[in-house]
Amino acid sequence: MKVLMTEYLRIDLEAQQWECRVCDHVVGPAANSYKEGLLVYDRDPREIHPPVIDPAKYRFTFSPDPEWVRILEYYCPHCGTQVETEYAVPGHPPLYDMEVDLPALKAQWSTREEVKEPVSGPEVVLGAGHGH
């Protein structure tokens, strides 16, 4: 069974692997961070947030200082889908944002049907006495 984890990632519970939901590429073991199997682009934050005022005239330009922040973009190595973006402190390791308890996840999904596409909650029926 495969469990959707994010917009672009899922876990194959039998193989215990992270997978790209766009191209089915195996990203890496689900016991590790999915980021270990992705391509990383260490962006200069000034490319994303250009200076608001002239940097030749002013020291502080409302643009992030690359000595204080970096932007890491993570991409699937097979299809190039951007999976994640994070703002990080230069010199620090990437954020370990999802640690999955695989036995608990397997137990939780053992009695459920596989969900292949995200679903939204039930529609609110107006006038039924329920609502906001």
N, C-alpha and C. Protein backbone atom coordinates (compact mmCIF):
# COMPACT_ATOMS: atom_id res chain seq x y z
N MET A 1 0.84 -1.18 0.00
CA MET A 1 0.00 0.00 0.00
C MET A 1 0.88 1.24 0.00
N LYS A 2 0.39 2.27 -0.68
CA LYS A 2 1.11 3.54 -0.76
C LYS A 2 0.29 4.61 -0.05
N VAL A 3 0.97 5.40 0.79
CA VAL A 3 0.30 6.42 1.60
C VAL A 3 0.79 7.80 1.16
N LEU A 4 -0.15 8.67 0.84
CA LEU A 4 0.18 10.03 0.45
C LEU A 4 0.68 10.79 1.67
N MET A 5 1.83 11.44 1.55
CA MET A 5 2.42 12.17 2.67
C MET A 5 2.42 13.68 2.44
N THR A 6 2.73 14.11 1.23
CA THR A 6 2.69 15.52 0.87
C THR A 6 2.12 15.61 -0.53
N GLU A 7 2.08 16.82 -1.05
CA GLU A 7 1.55 17.02 -2.40
C GLU A 7 2.35 16.22 -3.44
N TYR A 8 3.65 16.05 -3.21
CA TYR A 8 4.50 15.39 -4.20
C TYR A 8 5.20 14.13 -3.70
N LEU A 9 4.95 13.71 -2.46
CA LEU A 9 5.61 12.53 -1.92
C LEU A 9 4.61 11.54 -1.34
N ARG A 10 4.95 10.27 -1.45
CA ARG A 10 4.18 9.20 -0.79
C ARG A 10 5.17 8.18 -0.29
N ILE A 11 4.67 7.30 0.59
CA ILE A 11 5.49 6.20 1.10
C ILE A 11 4.86 4.89 0.66
N ASP A 12 5.69 4.03 0.08
CA ASP A 12 5.29 2.66 -0.24
C ASP A 12 5.57 1.86 1.03
N LEU A 13 4.50 1.46 1.72
CA LEU A 13 4.67 0.78 3.02
C LEU A 13 5.33 -0.59 2.89
N GLU A 14 5.05 -1.31 1.81
CA GLU A 14 5.67 -2.64 1.65
C GLU A 14 7.17 -2.52 1.42
N ALA A 15 7.57 -1.61 0.52
CA ALA A 15 8.99 -1.43 0.21
C ALA A 15 9.68 -0.49 1.19
N GLN A 16 8.90 0.23 2.00
CA GLN A 16 9.41 1.21 2.95
C GLN A 16 10.31 2.23 2.25
N GLN A 17 9.75 2.81 1.17
CA GLN A 17 10.48 3.77 0.35
C GLN A 17 9.66 5.04 0.14
N TRP A 18 10.35 6.18 0.10
CA TRP A 18 9.74 7.42 -0.35
C TRP A 18 9.64 7.36 -1.86
N GLU A 19 8.54 7.87 -2.43
CA GLU A 19 8.36 7.91 -3.87
C GLU A 19 7.86 9.28 -4.30
N CYS A 20 8.25 9.68 -5.50
CA CYS A 20 7.71 10.89 -6.11
C CYS A 20 6.32 10.55 -6.63
N ARG A 21 5.32 11.35 -6.29
CA ARG A 21 3.96 11.09 -6.74
C ARG A 21 3.75 11.47 -8.20
N VAL A 22 4.66 12.24 -8.78
CA VAL A 22 4.51 12.67 -10.17
C VAL A 22 5.01 11.59 -11.13
N CYS A 23 6.20 11.03 -10.84
CA CYS A 23 6.81 10.09 -11.79
C CYS A 23 7.07 8.70 -11.22
N ASP A 24 6.70 8.45 -9.95
CA ASP A 24 6.88 7.16 -9.28
C ASP A 24 8.35 6.81 -8.99
N HIS A 25 9.25 7.76 -9.14
CA HIS A 25 10.67 7.53 -8.85
C HIS A 25 10.85 7.24 -7.36
N VAL A 26 11.65 6.21 -7.04
CA VAL A 26 11.98 5.91 -5.65
C VAL A 26 13.02 6.91 -5.19
N VAL A 27 12.66 7.70 -4.18
CA VAL A 27 13.53 8.76 -3.68
C VAL A 27 14.53 8.22 -2.66
N GLY A 28 14.11 7.27 -1.84
CA GLY A 28 15.01 6.70 -0.85
C GLY A 28 14.26 5.99 0.25
N PRO A 29 14.98 5.44 1.22
CA PRO A 29 14.35 4.70 2.31
C PRO A 29 13.48 5.60 3.17
N ALA A 30 12.30 5.12 3.54
CA ALA A 30 11.37 5.90 4.36
C ALA A 30 11.87 6.06 5.79
N ALA A 31 12.87 5.29 6.19
CA ALA A 31 13.45 5.43 7.52
C ALA A 31 14.36 6.66 7.59
N ASN A 32 14.73 7.21 6.43
CA ASN A 32 15.59 8.39 6.36
C ASN A 32 14.78 9.60 5.90
N SER A 33 15.41 10.75 5.91
CA SER A 33 14.78 11.95 5.38
C SER A 33 14.64 11.82 3.87
N TYR A 34 13.48 12.20 3.36
CA TYR A 34 13.27 12.14 1.92
C TYR A 34 14.22 13.08 1.18
N LYS A 35 14.70 14.11 1.86
CA LYS A 35 15.58 15.10 1.23
C LYS A 35 16.91 14.50 0.80
N GLU A 36 17.31 13.40 1.43
CA GLU A 36 18.58 12.76 1.07
C GLU A 36 18.57 12.24 -0.35
N GLY A 37 17.40 11.93 -0.90
CA GLY A 37 17.32 11.38 -2.25
C GLY A 37 16.92 12.39 -3.31
N LEU A 38 16.84 13.66 -2.95
CA LEU A 38 16.43 14.70 -3.89
C LEU A 38 17.61 15.55 -4.31
N LEU A 39 17.47 16.21 -5.45
CA LEU A 39 18.47 17.19 -5.87
C LEU A 39 18.23 18.47 -5.08
N VAL A 40 19.31 19.16 -4.71
CA VAL A 40 19.20 20.39 -3.91
C VAL A 40 19.80 21.55 -4.69
N TYR A 41 19.05 22.63 -4.76
CA TYR A 41 19.55 23.87 -5.35
C TYR A 41 19.64 24.89 -4.22
N ASP A 42 20.86 25.28 -3.86
CA ASP A 42 21.11 26.26 -2.80
C ASP A 42 21.03 27.65 -3.45
N ARG A 43 19.87 28.29 -3.31
CA ARG A 43 19.61 29.56 -4.00
C ARG A 43 20.16 30.75 -3.23
N ASP A 44 20.61 31.74 -3.96
CA ASP A 44 20.94 33.04 -3.38
C ASP A 44 19.60 33.71 -3.08
N PRO A 45 19.33 34.07 -1.84
CA PRO A 45 18.00 34.64 -1.52
C PRO A 45 17.70 35.94 -2.25
N ARG A 46 18.74 36.62 -2.73
CA ARG A 46 18.52 37.87 -3.48
C ARG A 46 17.89 37.60 -4.84
N GLU A 47 18.01 36.35 -5.35
CA GLU A 47 17.34 36.00 -6.61
C GLU A 47 15.83 35.92 -6.41
N ILE A 48 15.42 35.45 -5.25
CA ILE A 48 14.00 35.28 -4.95
C ILE A 48 13.40 36.58 -4.44
N HIS A 49 14.14 37.27 -3.59
CA HIS A 49 13.68 38.53 -2.97
C HIS A 49 14.66 39.64 -3.36
N PRO A 50 14.51 40.20 -4.54
CA PRO A 50 15.47 41.23 -4.98
C PRO A 50 15.39 42.48 -4.10
N PRO A 51 16.47 43.28 -4.09
CA PRO A 51 16.48 44.50 -3.29
C PRO A 51 15.33 45.43 -3.68
N VAL A 52 14.74 46.05 -2.67
CA VAL A 52 13.65 47.00 -2.90
C VAL A 52 14.23 48.38 -3.20
N ILE A 53 15.36 48.68 -2.56
CA ILE A 53 16.03 49.95 -2.81
C ILE A 53 17.44 49.69 -3.32
N ASP A 54 18.08 50.69 -3.88
CA ASP A 54 19.36 50.56 -4.56
C ASP A 54 20.47 50.08 -3.63
N PRO A 55 21.02 48.86 -3.87
CA PRO A 55 22.09 48.33 -3.01
C PRO A 55 23.40 49.11 -3.14
N ALA A 56 23.56 49.89 -4.20
CA ALA A 56 24.77 50.70 -4.35
C ALA A 56 24.74 51.89 -3.38
N LYS A 57 23.54 52.30 -2.98
CA LYS A 57 23.40 53.45 -2.09
C LYS A 57 23.15 53.07 -0.63
N TYR A 58 22.55 51.90 -0.43
CA TYR A 58 22.11 51.53 0.92
C TYR A 58 22.63 50.16 1.30
N ARG A 59 23.01 50.02 2.55
CA ARG A 59 23.49 48.72 3.05
C ARG A 59 22.33 47.75 3.23
N PHE A 60 21.24 48.23 3.79
CA PHE A 60 20.05 47.40 4.02
C PHE A 60 19.02 47.70 2.94
N THR A 61 18.68 46.69 2.17
CA THR A 61 17.84 46.89 0.98
C THR A 61 16.52 46.14 1.03
N PHE A 62 16.18 45.56 2.17
CA PHE A 62 14.99 44.73 2.33
C PHE A 62 15.11 43.42 1.55
N SER A 63 16.31 43.05 1.18
CA SER A 63 16.59 41.77 0.54
C SER A 63 17.39 40.93 1.53
N PRO A 64 17.10 39.64 1.66
CA PRO A 64 17.83 38.81 2.63
C PRO A 64 19.33 38.78 2.36
N ASP A 65 20.09 38.81 3.43
CA ASP A 65 21.54 38.75 3.35
C ASP A 65 21.95 37.28 3.22
N PRO A 66 22.64 36.92 2.12
CA PRO A 66 23.02 35.51 1.92
C PRO A 66 23.99 34.97 2.98
N GLU A 67 24.60 35.86 3.78
CA GLU A 67 25.43 35.38 4.88
C GLU A 67 24.59 34.96 6.08
N TRP A 68 23.30 35.31 6.07
CA TRP A 68 22.41 35.01 7.19
C TRP A 68 21.31 34.01 6.83
N VAL A 69 20.98 33.88 5.57
CA VAL A 69 19.90 32.97 5.17
C VAL A 69 20.21 32.39 3.80
N ARG A 70 19.78 31.16 3.63
CA ARG A 70 19.86 30.52 2.31
C ARG A 70 18.52 29.88 2.03
N ILE A 71 18.23 29.73 0.77
CA ILE A 71 16.98 29.08 0.36
C ILE A 71 17.36 27.78 -0.34
N LEU A 72 16.88 26.68 0.20
CA LEU A 72 17.15 25.36 -0.37
C LEU A 72 15.90 24.88 -1.10
N GLU A 73 16.06 24.57 -2.37
CA GLU A 73 14.97 24.00 -3.16
C GLU A 73 15.30 22.54 -3.45
N TYR A 74 14.33 21.68 -3.24
CA TYR A 74 14.51 20.23 -3.42
C TYR A 74 13.70 19.76 -4.62
N TYR A 75 14.35 18.99 -5.51
CA TYR A 75 13.73 18.53 -6.74
C TYR A 75 13.86 17.02 -6.89
N CYS A 76 12.84 16.41 -7.51
CA CYS A 76 12.93 14.99 -7.86
C CYS A 76 14.02 14.83 -8.91
N PRO A 77 14.98 13.92 -8.71
CA PRO A 77 16.07 13.76 -9.68
C PRO A 77 15.62 13.14 -11.00
N HIS A 78 14.42 12.56 -11.03
CA HIS A 78 13.96 11.92 -12.26
C HIS A 78 13.13 12.86 -13.12
N CYS A 79 12.13 13.52 -12.53
CA CYS A 79 11.22 14.36 -13.32
C CYS A 79 11.41 15.85 -13.12
N GLY A 80 12.19 16.25 -12.10
CA GLY A 80 12.46 17.66 -11.88
C GLY A 80 11.36 18.41 -11.14
N THR A 81 10.38 17.71 -10.61
CA THR A 81 9.33 18.38 -9.84
C THR A 81 9.91 18.97 -8.57
N GLN A 82 9.58 20.23 -8.28
CA GLN A 82 10.03 20.85 -7.03
C GLN A 82 9.17 20.30 -5.91
N VAL A 83 9.79 19.59 -4.98
CA VAL A 83 9.10 18.89 -3.91
C VAL A 83 9.00 19.73 -2.64
N GLU A 84 10.01 20.52 -2.36
CA GLU A 84 10.06 21.26 -1.09
C GLU A 84 10.96 22.47 -1.24
N THR A 85 10.74 23.47 -0.41
CA THR A 85 11.60 24.65 -0.30
C THR A 85 11.74 24.98 1.17
N GLU A 86 12.94 25.34 1.59
CA GLU A 86 13.11 25.74 2.98
C GLU A 86 14.10 26.90 3.09
N TYR A 87 13.84 27.76 4.04
CA TYR A 87 14.76 28.83 4.40
C TYR A 87 15.62 28.28 5.53
N ALA A 88 16.93 28.41 5.38
CA ALA A 88 17.84 27.82 6.35
C ALA A 88 18.97 28.78 6.70
N VAL A 89 19.64 28.49 7.80
CA VAL A 89 20.80 29.25 8.23
C VAL A 89 22.03 28.65 7.53
N PRO A 90 22.85 29.47 6.88
CA PRO A 90 24.05 28.92 6.23
C PRO A 90 24.91 28.14 7.21
N GLY A 91 25.39 26.99 6.77
CA GLY A 91 26.23 26.15 7.61
C GLY A 91 25.47 25.12 8.43
N HIS A 92 24.16 25.27 8.56
CA HIS A 92 23.36 24.31 9.30
C HIS A 92 22.84 23.23 8.34
N PRO A 93 22.63 22.03 8.85
CA PRO A 93 22.10 20.97 7.98
C PRO A 93 20.65 21.26 7.60
N PRO A 94 20.17 20.63 6.54
CA PRO A 94 18.77 20.80 6.16
C PRO A 94 17.83 20.35 7.28
N LEU A 95 16.67 20.94 7.31
CA LEU A 95 15.66 20.61 8.32
C LEU A 95 15.19 19.17 8.12
N TYR A 96 15.13 18.41 9.20
CA TYR A 96 14.60 17.04 9.16
C TYR A 96 13.14 17.16 9.59
N ASP A 97 12.27 17.37 8.60
CA ASP A 97 10.90 17.77 8.91
C ASP A 97 9.88 16.65 9.02
N MET A 98 10.19 15.45 8.57
CA MET A 98 9.24 14.33 8.72
C MET A 98 9.98 13.07 9.12
N GLU A 99 9.74 12.63 10.33
CA GLU A 99 10.27 11.36 10.79
C GLU A 99 9.07 10.44 10.96
N VAL A 100 9.03 9.40 10.15
CA VAL A 100 7.86 8.54 10.09
C VAL A 100 8.04 7.31 10.96
N ASP A 101 7.04 7.02 11.78
CA ASP A 101 7.00 5.78 12.56
C ASP A 101 6.36 4.74 11.66
N LEU A 102 7.20 4.01 10.91
CA LEU A 102 6.69 3.07 9.90
C LEU A 102 5.79 1.97 10.47
N PRO A 103 6.15 1.32 11.60
CA PRO A 103 5.24 0.31 12.14
C PRO A 103 3.86 0.90 12.51
N ALA A 104 3.85 2.09 13.08
CA ALA A 104 2.56 2.72 13.43
C ALA A 104 1.78 3.09 12.19
N LEU A 105 2.47 3.58 11.16
CA LEU A 105 1.79 3.94 9.91
C LEU A 105 1.21 2.70 9.23
N LYS A 106 1.97 1.61 9.25
CA LYS A 106 1.46 0.35 8.68
C LYS A 106 0.22 -0.13 9.44
N ALA A 107 0.27 -0.07 10.76
CA ALA A 107 -0.88 -0.49 11.57
C ALA A 107 -2.09 0.40 11.30
N GLN A 108 -1.87 1.68 11.19
CA GLN A 108 -2.96 2.63 10.94
C GLN A 108 -3.63 2.36 9.61
N TRP A 109 -2.85 2.02 8.59
CA TRP A 109 -3.41 1.82 7.25
C TRP A 109 -3.77 0.36 6.97
N SER A 110 -3.56 -0.54 7.91
CA SER A 110 -3.84 -1.96 7.66
C SER A 110 -5.33 -2.23 7.46
N THR A 111 -6.19 -1.40 7.98
CA THR A 111 -7.64 -1.61 7.85
C THR A 111 -8.29 -0.60 6.90
N ARG A 112 -7.49 0.15 6.19
CA ARG A 112 -8.02 1.18 5.29
C ARG A 112 -7.77 0.81 3.84
N GLU A 113 -8.54 1.46 2.97
CA GLU A 113 -8.28 1.33 1.54
C GLU A 113 -7.23 2.35 1.14
N GLU A 114 -6.44 2.01 0.13
CA GLU A 114 -5.43 2.92 -0.37
C GLU A 114 -6.09 4.15 -1.00
N VAL A 115 -5.55 5.31 -0.71
CA VAL A 115 -6.02 6.57 -1.29
C VAL A 115 -5.02 6.97 -2.36
N LYS A 116 -5.50 7.03 -3.60
CA LYS A 116 -4.59 7.32 -4.71
C LYS A 116 -4.49 8.81 -5.01
N GLU A 117 -5.53 9.55 -4.73
CA GLU A 117 -5.56 11.00 -4.94
C GLU A 117 -6.10 11.66 -3.68
N PRO A 118 -5.65 12.88 -3.38
CA PRO A 118 -6.15 13.56 -2.19
C PRO A 118 -7.65 13.77 -2.26
N VAL A 119 -8.27 13.74 -1.12
CA VAL A 119 -9.72 13.99 -1.04
C VAL A 119 -9.95 15.16 -0.09
N SER A 120 -11.03 15.85 -0.33
CA SER A 120 -11.39 16.93 0.58
C SER A 120 -12.49 16.44 1.49
N GLY A 121 -12.75 17.19 2.53
CA GLY A 121 -13.77 16.81 3.49
C GLY A 121 -15.17 16.87 2.88
N PRO A 122 -16.17 16.48 3.65
CA PRO A 122 -17.53 16.48 3.12
C PRO A 122 -17.99 17.90 2.80
N GLU A 123 -18.82 17.99 1.78
CA GLU A 123 -19.35 19.30 1.39
C GLU A 123 -20.32 19.78 2.45
N VAL A 124 -20.33 21.05 2.69
CA VAL A 124 -21.26 21.64 3.64
C VAL A 124 -22.57 21.89 2.91
N VAL A 125 -23.65 21.34 3.44
CA VAL A 125 -24.95 21.54 2.84
C VAL A 125 -25.59 22.76 3.51
N LEU A 126 -25.74 23.81 2.75
CA LEU A 126 -26.32 25.03 3.30
C LEU A 126 -27.79 24.82 3.61
N GLY A 127 -28.22 25.39 4.69
CA GLY A 127 -29.63 25.29 5.06
C GLY A 127 -29.96 24.03 5.84
N ALA A 128 -28.97 23.21 6.12
CA ALA A 128 -29.23 21.96 6.83
C ALA A 128 -29.08 22.14 8.35
N GLY A 129 -28.95 23.40 8.78
CA GLY A 129 -28.82 23.64 10.21
C GLY A 129 -27.39 23.55 10.70
N HIS A 130 -26.49 23.22 9.81
CA HIS A 130 -25.08 23.13 10.16
C HIS A 130 -24.32 24.16 9.32
N GLY A 131 -23.28 24.63 9.81
CA GLY A 131 -22.48 25.56 9.03
C GLY A 131 -21.90 26.64 9.91
N HIS A 132 -21.42 27.65 9.27
CA HIS A 132 -20.73 28.71 9.99
C HIS A 132 -21.58 29.95 10.05
